[in-house]
Amino acid sequence: MLTQPTLDRLRELRLRGMADAFAVQMESPEAASLSFEERLGLLVDAEWTHRRNTMLARLLREAKLRLPACPEDVEFGAARGLDRATWRALFAGDFASRHQNVLVVGPTGVGKTYLACALGHACCRLGMRVRYVRLGGLLQDIALARLDGSYRTLLGRLSKTDLLILDDFGLAPLGGAEARELLEVIDDRYERRSTVVCSQLPLGEWHRAITDPTLADAILDRLVHGAHKFTLSGESMRKKKGGTAPKQTEEEATL
């Protein structure tokens, strides 16, 4: 049997997973004992797995998650205020399908960003488009987009993102212009997409972090209504790990 032409055709058809699996089968004595249906099934499974892995790699690359966090690596415990069953349900992605938000607050170092990134990773596995941004960076991107004429394109891209992770909310007070920009983003997503917000500020202080009370009402009404809310507690995860970790940058110290 001429296997090389078959391999070439499979690769021309962009069936790389199937081509690689077929090459392995041709080198495996055990494969000869399998039926045609069994070998075909293995080839199809290999192509499916290859495509899923390729898609996941692309989605994770586009998500730009701050940390390489996975749901399986999250440390649960009563001391942190994390309920395993609740977070497992979130990692299953149903909240995103329902366009619900997730709000995570707590002091520096308790793992807010890690949890948010783990949630983003879980949604990427489900084929969802995810984007991680720090609020300050997002506002800078919006300001630049207004200058270079790509403002509507940026808003359109954000509005189509299945899960937007906004980190460092309330790190600095939001003035009127900044609050209006944030409202534009949040309003486009309201009841259409899901947003995760991480903040060091307790939820009750979010309103004061926005200088214009009217804009604060509008933003928080869209973010908080029907959201899953979590307040993390416990010892700093950085201190808990100890060791001779490198000195934190100012940016890392805010997570």
C-alpha atoms as a PDB file:
ATOM      1  CA  MET A   1       0.000   0.000   0.000  1.00  0.00           C
ATOM      2  CA  LEU A   2       1.332   3.455  -0.931  1.00  0.00           C
ATOM      3  CA  THR A   3       1.030   5.426   2.287  1.00  0.00           C
ATOM      4  CA  GLN A   4       2.908   8.582   1.290  1.00  0.00           C
ATOM      5  CA  PRO A   5       0.321   9.786  -1.272  1.00  0.00           C
ATOM      6  CA  THR A   6      -2.393   9.233   1.348  1.00  0.00           C
ATOM      7  CA  LEU A   7      -0.442  11.210   3.918  1.00  0.00           C
ATOM      8  CA  ASP A   8       0.134  14.000   1.402  1.00  0.00           C
ATOM      9  CA  ARG A   9      -3.573  14.176   0.589  1.00  0.00           C
ATOM     10  CA  LEU A  10      -4.534  14.258   4.253  1.00  0.00           C
ATOM     11  CA  ARG A  11      -2.165  17.150   4.868  1.00  0.00           C
ATOM     12  CA  GLU A  12      -3.398  18.978   1.758  1.00  0.00           C
ATOM     13  CA  LEU A  13      -6.890  18.649   3.214  1.00  0.00           C
ATOM     14  CA  ARG A  14      -5.516  20.084   6.484  1.00  0.00           C
ATOM     15  CA  LEU A  15      -6.286  16.878   8.349  1.00  0.00           C
ATOM     16  CA  ARG A  16      -2.998  17.031  10.210  1.00  0.00           C
ATOM     17  CA  GLY A  17      -4.196  15.118  13.271  1.00  0.00           C
ATOM     18  CA  MET A  18      -5.494  12.313  11.111  1.00  0.00           C
ATOM     19  CA  ALA A  19      -2.311  12.292   9.018  1.00  0.00           C
ATOM     20  CA  ASP A  20      -0.066  12.020  12.063  1.00  0.00           C
ATOM     21  CA  ALA A  21      -2.217   9.244  13.540  1.00  0.00           C
ATOM     22  CA  PHE A  22      -2.232   7.376  10.222  1.00  0.00           C
ATOM     23  CA  ALA A  23       1.570   7.521  10.079  1.00  0.00           C
ATOM     24  CA  VAL A  24       1.735   6.092  13.606  1.00  0.00           C
ATOM     25  CA  GLN A  25      -0.690   3.310  12.681  1.00  0.00           C
ATOM     26  CA  MET A  26       1.414   2.302   9.708  1.00  0.00           C
ATOM     27  CA  GLU A  27       4.421   1.896  12.006  1.00  0.00           C
ATOM     28  CA  SER A  28       2.499  -0.028  14.678  1.00  0.00           C
ATOM     29  CA  PRO A  29       2.181  -3.822  14.442  1.00  0.00           C
ATOM     30  CA  GLU A  30      -0.798  -3.691  16.810  1.00  0.00           C
ATOM     31  CA  ALA A  31      -2.777  -1.576  14.340  1.00  0.00           C
ATOM     32  CA  ALA A  32      -2.871  -4.466  11.854  1.00  0.00           C
ATOM     33  CA  SER A  33      -5.046  -6.456  14.249  1.00  0.00           C
ATOM     34  CA  LEU A  34      -7.712  -3.744  14.357  1.00  0.00           C
ATOM     35  CA  SER A  35     -10.745  -3.702  12.091  1.00  0.00           C
ATOM     36  CA  PHE A  36     -11.213  -0.994   9.477  1.00  0.00           C
ATOM     37  CA  GLU A  37     -13.906   0.636  11.621  1.00  0.00           C
ATOM     38  CA  GLU A  38     -11.651   0.670  14.684  1.00  0.00           C
ATOM     39  CA  ARG A  39      -8.737   2.200  12.805  1.00  0.00           C
ATOM     40  CA  LEU A  40     -10.982   4.793  11.190  1.00  0.00           C
ATOM     41  CA  GLY A  41     -12.439   5.656  14.584  1.00  0.00           C
ATOM     42  CA  LEU A  42      -8.964   6.212  16.014  1.00  0.00           C
ATOM     43  CA  LEU A  43      -8.063   8.466  13.086  1.00  0.00           C
ATOM     44  CA  VAL A  44     -11.209  10.537  13.526  1.00  0.00           C
ATOM     45  CA  ASP A  45     -10.563  10.829  17.285  1.00  0.00           C
ATOM     46  CA  ALA A  46      -7.016  11.998  16.583  1.00  0.00           C
ATOM     47  CA  GLU A  47      -8.230  14.690  14.178  1.00  0.00           C
ATOM     48  CA  TRP A  48     -10.893  15.849  16.641  1.00  0.00           C
ATOM     49  CA  THR A  49      -8.338  16.077  19.462  1.00  0.00           C
ATOM     50  CA  HIS A  50      -5.881  17.940  17.234  1.00  0.00           C
ATOM     51  CA  ARG A  51      -8.502  20.511  16.248  1.00  0.00           C
ATOM     52  CA  ARG A  52      -9.637  21.000  19.820  1.00  0.00           C
ATOM     53  CA  ASN A  53      -6.064  21.526  20.993  1.00  0.00           C
ATOM     54  CA  THR A  54      -5.370  23.946  18.156  1.00  0.00           C
ATOM     55  CA  MET A  55      -8.515  25.912  18.936  1.00  0.00           C
ATOM     56  CA  LEU A  56      -7.677  26.048  22.644  1.00  0.00           C
ATOM     57  CA  ALA A  57      -4.149  27.265  21.946  1.00  0.00           C
ATOM     58  CA  ARG A  58      -5.510  30.026  19.711  1.00  0.00           C
ATOM     59  CA  LEU A  59      -8.176  31.119  22.193  1.00  0.00           C
ATOM     60  CA  LEU A  60      -5.684  31.190  25.071  1.00  0.00           C
ATOM     61  CA  ARG A  61      -3.259  33.213  22.972  1.00  0.00           C
ATOM     62  CA  GLU A  62      -5.972  35.729  22.100  1.00  0.00           C
ATOM     63  CA  ALA A  63      -7.220  35.861  25.709  1.00  0.00           C
ATOM     64  CA  LYS A  64      -3.879  37.231  26.952  1.00  0.00           C
ATOM     65  CA  LEU A  65      -4.525  35.862  30.426  1.00  0.00           C
ATOM     66  CA  ARG A  66      -2.241  37.424  33.013  1.00  0.00           C
ATOM     67  CA  LEU A  67      -1.492  34.092  34.717  1.00  0.00           C
ATOM     68  CA  PRO A  68      -1.294  30.497  33.393  1.00  0.00           C
ATOM     69  CA  ALA A  69      -4.080  29.401  35.728  1.00  0.00           C
ATOM     70  CA  CYS A  70      -6.109  26.199  35.340  1.00  0.00           C
ATOM     71  CA  PRO A  71      -9.301  25.206  37.190  1.00  0.00           C
ATOM     72  CA  GLU A  72      -7.604  22.016  38.416  1.00  0.00           C
ATOM     73  CA  ASP A  73      -4.922  24.035  40.224  1.00  0.00           C
ATOM     74  CA  VAL A  74      -7.248  26.261  42.270  1.00  0.00           C
ATOM     75  CA  GLU A  75      -6.814  25.778  46.015  1.00  0.00           C
ATOM     76  CA  PHE A  76     -10.172  25.598  47.751  1.00  0.00           C
ATOM     77  CA  GLY A  77     -10.729  26.008  51.459  1.00  0.00           C
ATOM     78  CA  ALA A  78     -13.036  27.633  53.954  1.00  0.00           C
ATOM     79  CA  ALA A  79     -10.299  30.050  55.003  1.00  0.00           C
ATOM     80  CA  ARG A  80     -10.263  31.592  51.519  1.00  0.00           C
ATOM     81  CA  GLY A  81     -14.029  31.833  51.218  1.00  0.00           C
ATOM     82  CA  LEU A  82     -14.133  29.529  48.179  1.00  0.00           C
ATOM     83  CA  ASP A  83     -16.838  26.915  47.892  1.00  0.00           C
ATOM     84  CA  ARG A  84     -15.682  24.045  45.688  1.00  0.00           C
ATOM     85  CA  ALA A  85     -19.132  23.161  44.341  1.00  0.00           C
ATOM     86  CA  THR A  86     -19.929  26.759  43.446  1.00  0.00           C
ATOM     87  CA  TRP A  87     -16.699  27.281  41.543  1.00  0.00           C
ATOM     88  CA  ARG A  88     -16.948  23.941  39.785  1.00  0.00           C
ATOM     89  CA  ALA A  89     -20.315  25.096  38.467  1.00  0.00           C
ATOM     90  CA  LEU A  90     -18.723  28.338  37.265  1.00  0.00           C
ATOM     91  CA  PHE A  91     -15.892  26.462  35.582  1.00  0.00           C
ATOM     92  CA  ALA A  92     -18.545  24.476  33.687  1.00  0.00           C
ATOM     93  CA  GLY A  93     -19.373  27.749  31.903  1.00  0.00           C
ATOM     94  CA  ASP A  94     -23.123  27.911  32.445  1.00  0.00           C
ATOM     95  CA  PHE A  95     -22.838  31.456  33.854  1.00  0.00           C
ATOM     96  CA  ALA A  96     -21.356  32.625  30.537  1.00  0.00           C
ATOM     97  CA  SER A  97     -24.113  30.925  28.568  1.00  0.00           C
ATOM     98  CA  ARG A  98     -26.585  32.854  30.723  1.00  0.00           C
ATOM     99  CA  HIS A  99     -24.603  36.109  30.283  1.00  0.00           C
ATOM    100  CA  GLN A 100     -24.074  36.504  34.027  1.00  0.00           C
ATOM    101  CA  ASN A 101     -21.229  38.452  35.621  1.00  0.00           C
ATOM    102  CA  VAL A 102     -18.759  37.369  38.311  1.00  0.00           C
ATOM    103  CA  LEU A 103     -17.411  39.854  40.864  1.00  0.00           C
ATOM    104  CA  VAL A 104     -14.370  38.902  42.959  1.00  0.00           C
ATOM    105  CA  VAL A 105     -13.117  41.169  45.744  1.00  0.00           C
ATOM    106  CA  GLY A 106     -10.491  40.797  48.434  1.00  0.00           C
ATOM    107  CA  PRO A 107      -7.177  42.189  49.686  1.00  0.00           C
ATOM    108  CA  THR A 108      -3.896  42.029  47.821  1.00  0.00           C
ATOM    109  CA  GLY A 109      -2.442  38.593  47.205  1.00  0.00           C
ATOM    110  CA  VAL A 110      -5.440  36.366  47.979  1.00  0.00           C
ATOM    111  CA  GLY A 111      -5.688  35.094  44.406  1.00  0.00           C
ATOM    112  CA  LYS A 112      -8.341  37.191  42.695  1.00  0.00           C
ATOM    113  CA  THR A 113      -6.472  37.403  39.408  1.00  0.00           C
ATOM    114  CA  TYR A 114      -5.584  33.704  39.514  1.00  0.00           C
ATOM    115  CA  LEU A 115      -9.236  32.746  39.948  1.00  0.00           C
ATOM    116  CA  ALA A 116     -10.314  35.052  37.147  1.00  0.00           C
ATOM    117  CA  CYS A 117      -7.675  33.611  34.808  1.00  0.00           C
ATOM    118  CA  ALA A 118      -8.659  30.054  35.750  1.00  0.00           C
ATOM    119  CA  LEU A 119     -12.239  30.957  34.871  1.00  0.00           C
ATOM    120  CA  GLY A 120     -11.035  32.415  31.589  1.00  0.00           C
ATOM    121  CA  HIS A 121      -9.070  29.246  30.847  1.00  0.00           C
ATOM    122  CA  ALA A 122     -12.154  27.130  31.551  1.00  0.00           C
ATOM    123  CA  CYS A 123     -14.213  29.205  29.114  1.00  0.00           C
ATOM    124  CA  CYS A 124     -11.511  28.925  26.437  1.00  0.00           C
ATOM    125  CA  ARG A 125     -11.751  25.147  26.780  1.00  0.00           C
ATOM    126  CA  LEU A 126     -15.444  25.480  25.999  1.00  0.00           C
ATOM    127  CA  GLY A 127     -14.668  27.363  22.793  1.00  0.00           C
ATOM    128  CA  MET A 128     -15.498  30.817  24.119  1.00  0.00           C
ATOM    129  CA  ARG A 129     -13.643  34.006  23.254  1.00  0.00           C
ATOM    130  CA  VAL A 130     -12.013  35.485  26.353  1.00  0.00           C
ATOM    131  CA  ARG A 131     -10.028  38.671  26.953  1.00  0.00           C
ATOM    132  CA  TYR A 132      -8.134  39.720  30.076  1.00  0.00           C
ATOM    133  CA  VAL A 133      -7.431  43.424  30.635  1.00  0.00           C
ATOM    134  CA  ARG A 134      -6.521  45.634  33.537  1.00  0.00           C
ATOM    135  CA  LEU A 135      -9.017  48.484  33.739  1.00  0.00           C
ATOM    136  CA  GLY A 136      -6.297  51.122  33.455  1.00  0.00           C
ATOM    137  CA  GLY A 137      -4.901  49.442  30.348  1.00  0.00           C
ATOM    138  CA  LEU A 138      -8.357  49.168  28.790  1.00  0.00           C
ATOM    139  CA  LEU A 139      -8.992  52.885  29.278  1.00  0.00           C
ATOM    140  CA  GLN A 140      -5.629  53.662  27.681  1.00  0.00           C
ATOM    141  CA  ASP A 141      -6.488  51.437  24.706  1.00  0.00           C
ATOM    142  CA  ILE A 142      -9.808  53.236  24.320  1.00  0.00           C
ATOM    143  CA  ALA A 143      -8.119  56.654  24.429  1.00  0.00           C
ATOM    144  CA  LEU A 144      -5.633  55.590  21.741  1.00  0.00           C
ATOM    145  CA  ALA A 145      -8.420  54.079  19.639  1.00  0.00           C
ATOM    146  CA  ARG A 146     -10.247  57.419  19.660  1.00  0.00           C
ATOM    147  CA  LEU A 147      -7.108  59.093  18.355  1.00  0.00           C
ATOM    148  CA  ASP A 148      -6.349  56.642  15.539  1.00  0.00           C
ATOM    149  CA  GLY A 149      -9.942  56.121  14.422  1.00  0.00           C
ATOM    150  CA  SER A 150     -10.307  52.511  15.582  1.00  0.00           C
ATOM    151  CA  TYR A 151     -12.674  53.280  18.470  1.00  0.00           C
ATOM    152  CA  ARG A 152     -15.746  51.583  16.997  1.00  0.00           C
ATOM    153  CA  THR A 153     -13.681  48.585  15.936  1.00  0.00           C
ATOM    154  CA  LEU A 154     -12.344  48.170  19.474  1.00  0.00           C
ATOM    155  CA  LEU A 155     -15.806  48.465  21.023  1.00  0.00           C
ATOM    156  CA  GLY A 156     -17.170  45.976  18.531  1.00  0.00           C
ATOM    157  CA  ARG A 157     -14.432  43.487  19.373  1.00  0.00           C
ATOM    158  CA  LEU A 158     -15.052  43.889  23.098  1.00  0.00           C
ATOM    159  CA  SER A 159     -18.802  43.522  22.696  1.00  0.00           C
ATOM    160  CA  LYS A 160     -18.337  40.188  20.888  1.00  0.00           C
ATOM    161  CA  THR A 161     -15.958  38.762  23.493  1.00  0.00           C
ATOM    162  CA  ASP A 162     -17.814  36.036  25.378  1.00  0.00           C
ATOM    163  CA  LEU A 163     -15.960  36.686  28.640  1.00  0.00           C
ATOM    164  CA  LEU A 164     -14.227  39.964  29.453  1.00  0.00           C
ATOM    165  CA  ILE A 165     -12.024  39.944  32.564  1.00  0.00           C
ATOM    166  CA  LEU A 166     -11.595  43.427  34.067  1.00  0.00           C
ATOM    167  CA  ASP A 167      -8.851  43.442  36.692  1.00  0.00           C
ATOM    168  CA  ASP A 168      -7.909  46.177  39.178  1.00  0.00           C
ATOM    169  CA  PHE A 169     -11.278  47.920  39.262  1.00  0.00           C
ATOM    170  CA  GLY A 170     -11.184  50.809  41.742  1.00  0.00           C
ATOM    171  CA  LEU A 171      -7.396  50.925  41.960  1.00  0.00           C
ATOM    172  CA  ALA A 172      -7.714  54.622  41.121  1.00  0.00           C
ATOM    173  CA  PRO A 173     -10.873  56.788  41.120  1.00  0.00           C
ATOM    174  CA  LEU A 174     -12.659  56.974  37.766  1.00  0.00           C
ATOM    175  CA  GLY A 175     -13.317  60.481  36.512  1.00  0.00           C
ATOM    176  CA  GLY A 176     -16.335  61.388  34.426  1.00  0.00           C
ATOM    177  CA  ALA A 177     -14.709  60.779  31.026  1.00  0.00           C
ATOM    178  CA  GLU A 178     -13.242  57.441  32.085  1.00  0.00           C
ATOM    179  CA  ALA A 179     -16.529  56.368  33.650  1.00  0.00           C
ATOM    180  CA  ARG A 180     -18.393  57.167  30.437  1.00  0.00           C
ATOM    181  CA  GLU A 181     -15.971  55.013  28.464  1.00  0.00           C
ATOM    182  CA  LEU A 182     -16.415  52.145  30.911  1.00  0.00           C
ATOM    183  CA  LEU A 183     -20.188  52.508  30.769  1.00  0.00           C
ATOM    184  CA  GLU A 184     -20.052  52.249  26.982  1.00  0.00           C
ATOM    185  CA  VAL A 185     -18.202  48.943  27.245  1.00  0.00           C
ATOM    186  CA  ILE A 186     -20.407  47.548  30.008  1.00  0.00           C
ATOM    187  CA  ASP A 187     -23.647  48.650  28.370  1.00  0.00           C
ATOM    188  CA  ASP A 188     -22.736  46.908  25.106  1.00  0.00           C
ATOM    189  CA  ARG A 189     -22.243  43.679  27.051  1.00  0.00           C
ATOM    190  CA  TYR A 190     -25.193  43.919  29.436  1.00  0.00           C
ATOM    191  CA  GLU A 191     -27.317  40.744  29.231  1.00  0.00           C
ATOM    192  CA  ARG A 192     -25.454  39.786  26.046  1.00  0.00           C
ATOM    193  CA  ARG A 193     -22.033  38.703  27.328  1.00  0.00           C
ATOM    194  CA  SER A 194     -20.356  37.967  30.665  1.00  0.00           C
ATOM    195  CA  THR A 195     -17.843  40.087  32.554  1.00  0.00           C
ATOM    196  CA  VAL A 196     -15.559  39.184  35.445  1.00  0.00           C
ATOM    197  CA  VAL A 197     -14.441  42.075  37.651  1.00  0.00           C
ATOM    198  CA  CYS A 198     -11.651  41.840  40.240  1.00  0.00           C
ATOM    199  CA  SER A 199     -11.102  44.534  42.849  1.00  0.00           C
ATOM    200  CA  GLN A 200      -9.373  45.175  46.140  1.00  0.00           C
ATOM    201  CA  LEU A 201     -12.297  47.386  47.133  1.00  0.00           C
ATOM    202  CA  PRO A 202     -15.227  45.841  49.010  1.00  0.00           C
ATOM    203  CA  LEU A 203     -18.328  45.847  46.863  1.00  0.00           C
ATOM    204  CA  GLY A 204     -19.944  48.495  49.070  1.00  0.00           C
ATOM    205  CA  GLU A 205     -17.187  50.968  48.161  1.00  0.00           C
ATOM    206  CA  TRP A 206     -17.383  50.601  44.388  1.00  0.00           C
ATOM    207  CA  HIS A 207     -19.855  53.451  44.032  1.00  0.00           C
ATOM    208  CA  ARG A 208     -17.432  55.913  45.633  1.00  0.00           C
ATOM    209  CA  ALA A 209     -14.679  54.837  43.238  1.00  0.00           C
ATOM    210  CA  ILE A 210     -16.596  56.543  40.406  1.00  0.00           C
ATOM    211  CA  THR A 211     -16.675  60.311  40.855  1.00  0.00           C
ATOM    212  CA  ASP A 212     -19.944  60.898  38.981  1.00  0.00           C
ATOM    213  CA  PRO A 213     -22.810  59.365  41.014  1.00  0.00           C
ATOM    214  CA  THR A 214     -25.111  59.079  37.991  1.00  0.00           C
ATOM    215  CA  LEU A 215     -22.528  57.177  35.974  1.00  0.00           C
ATOM    216  CA  ALA A 216     -21.723  55.079  39.033  1.00  0.00           C
ATOM    217  CA  ASP A 217     -25.373  54.064  39.318  1.00  0.00           C
ATOM    218  CA  ALA A 218     -25.529  53.124  35.637  1.00  0.00           C
ATOM    219  CA  ILE A 219     -22.289  51.107  35.650  1.00  0.00           C
ATOM    220  CA  LEU A 220     -22.934  49.235  38.865  1.00  0.00           C
ATOM    221  CA  ASP A 221     -26.540  48.474  38.000  1.00  0.00           C
ATOM    222  CA  ARG A 222     -25.338  46.649  34.892  1.00  0.00           C
ATOM    223  CA  LEU A 223     -22.416  44.925  36.623  1.00  0.00           C
ATOM    224  CA  VAL A 224     -23.921  43.900  39.950  1.00  0.00           C
ATOM    225  CA  HIS A 225     -27.471  42.929  38.968  1.00  0.00           C
ATOM    226  CA  GLY A 226     -27.720  39.130  38.997  1.00  0.00           C
ATOM    227  CA  ALA A 227     -23.944  38.704  39.350  1.00  0.00           C
ATOM    228  CA  HIS A 228     -22.115  35.956  41.245  1.00  0.00           C
ATOM    229  CA  LYS A 229     -20.337  37.786  44.075  1.00  0.00           C
ATOM    230  CA  PHE A 230     -17.318  36.507  46.018  1.00  0.00           C
ATOM    231  CA  THR A 231     -15.273  38.025  48.807  1.00  0.00           C
ATOM    232  CA  LEU A 232     -11.930  36.289  49.269  1.00  0.00           C
ATOM    233  CA  SER A 233     -10.176  36.226  52.592  1.00  0.00           C
ATOM    234  CA  GLY A 234      -7.286  34.498  54.284  1.00  0.00           C
ATOM    235  CA  GLU A 235      -3.537  34.767  54.105  1.00  0.00           C
ATOM    236  CA  SER A 236      -1.789  36.184  51.059  1.00  0.00           C
ATOM    237  CA  MET A 237      -1.008  33.363  48.642  1.00  0.00           C
ATOM    238  CA  ARG A 238       2.388  34.932  47.979  1.00  0.00           C
ATOM    239  CA  LYS A 239       3.314  34.878  51.667  1.00  0.00           C
ATOM    240  CA  LYS A 240       1.962  31.346  51.959  1.00  0.00           C
ATOM    241  CA  LYS A 241       4.266  30.121  49.198  1.00  0.00           C
ATOM    242  CA  GLY A 242       7.233  31.803  50.888  1.00  0.00           C
ATOM    243  CA  GLY A 243      10.685  30.860  49.658  1.00  0.00           C
ATOM    244  CA  THR A 244      13.003  33.211  47.861  1.00  0.00           C
ATOM    245  CA  ALA A 245      10.576  34.609  45.353  1.00  0.00           C
ATOM    246  CA  PRO A 246      11.808  37.563  43.302  1.00  0.00           C
ATOM    247  CA  LYS A 247      10.827  41.022  44.431  1.00  0.00           C
ATOM    248  CA  GLN A 248       7.378  42.016  43.231  1.00  0.00           C
ATOM    249  CA  THR A 249       6.966  44.758  40.717  1.00  0.00           C
ATOM    250  CA  GLU A 250       4.532  47.531  41.491  1.00  0.00           C
ATOM    251  CA  GLU A 251       2.109  46.014  38.992  1.00  0.00           C
ATOM    252  CA  GLU A 252       2.255  42.570  40.605  1.00  0.00           C
ATOM    253  CA  ALA A 253       1.707  44.025  44.058  1.00  0.00           C
ATOM    254  CA  THR A 254      -1.727  45.280  43.015  1.00  0.00           C
ATOM    255  CA  LEU A 255      -3.159  41.876  42.083  1.00  0.00           C
END
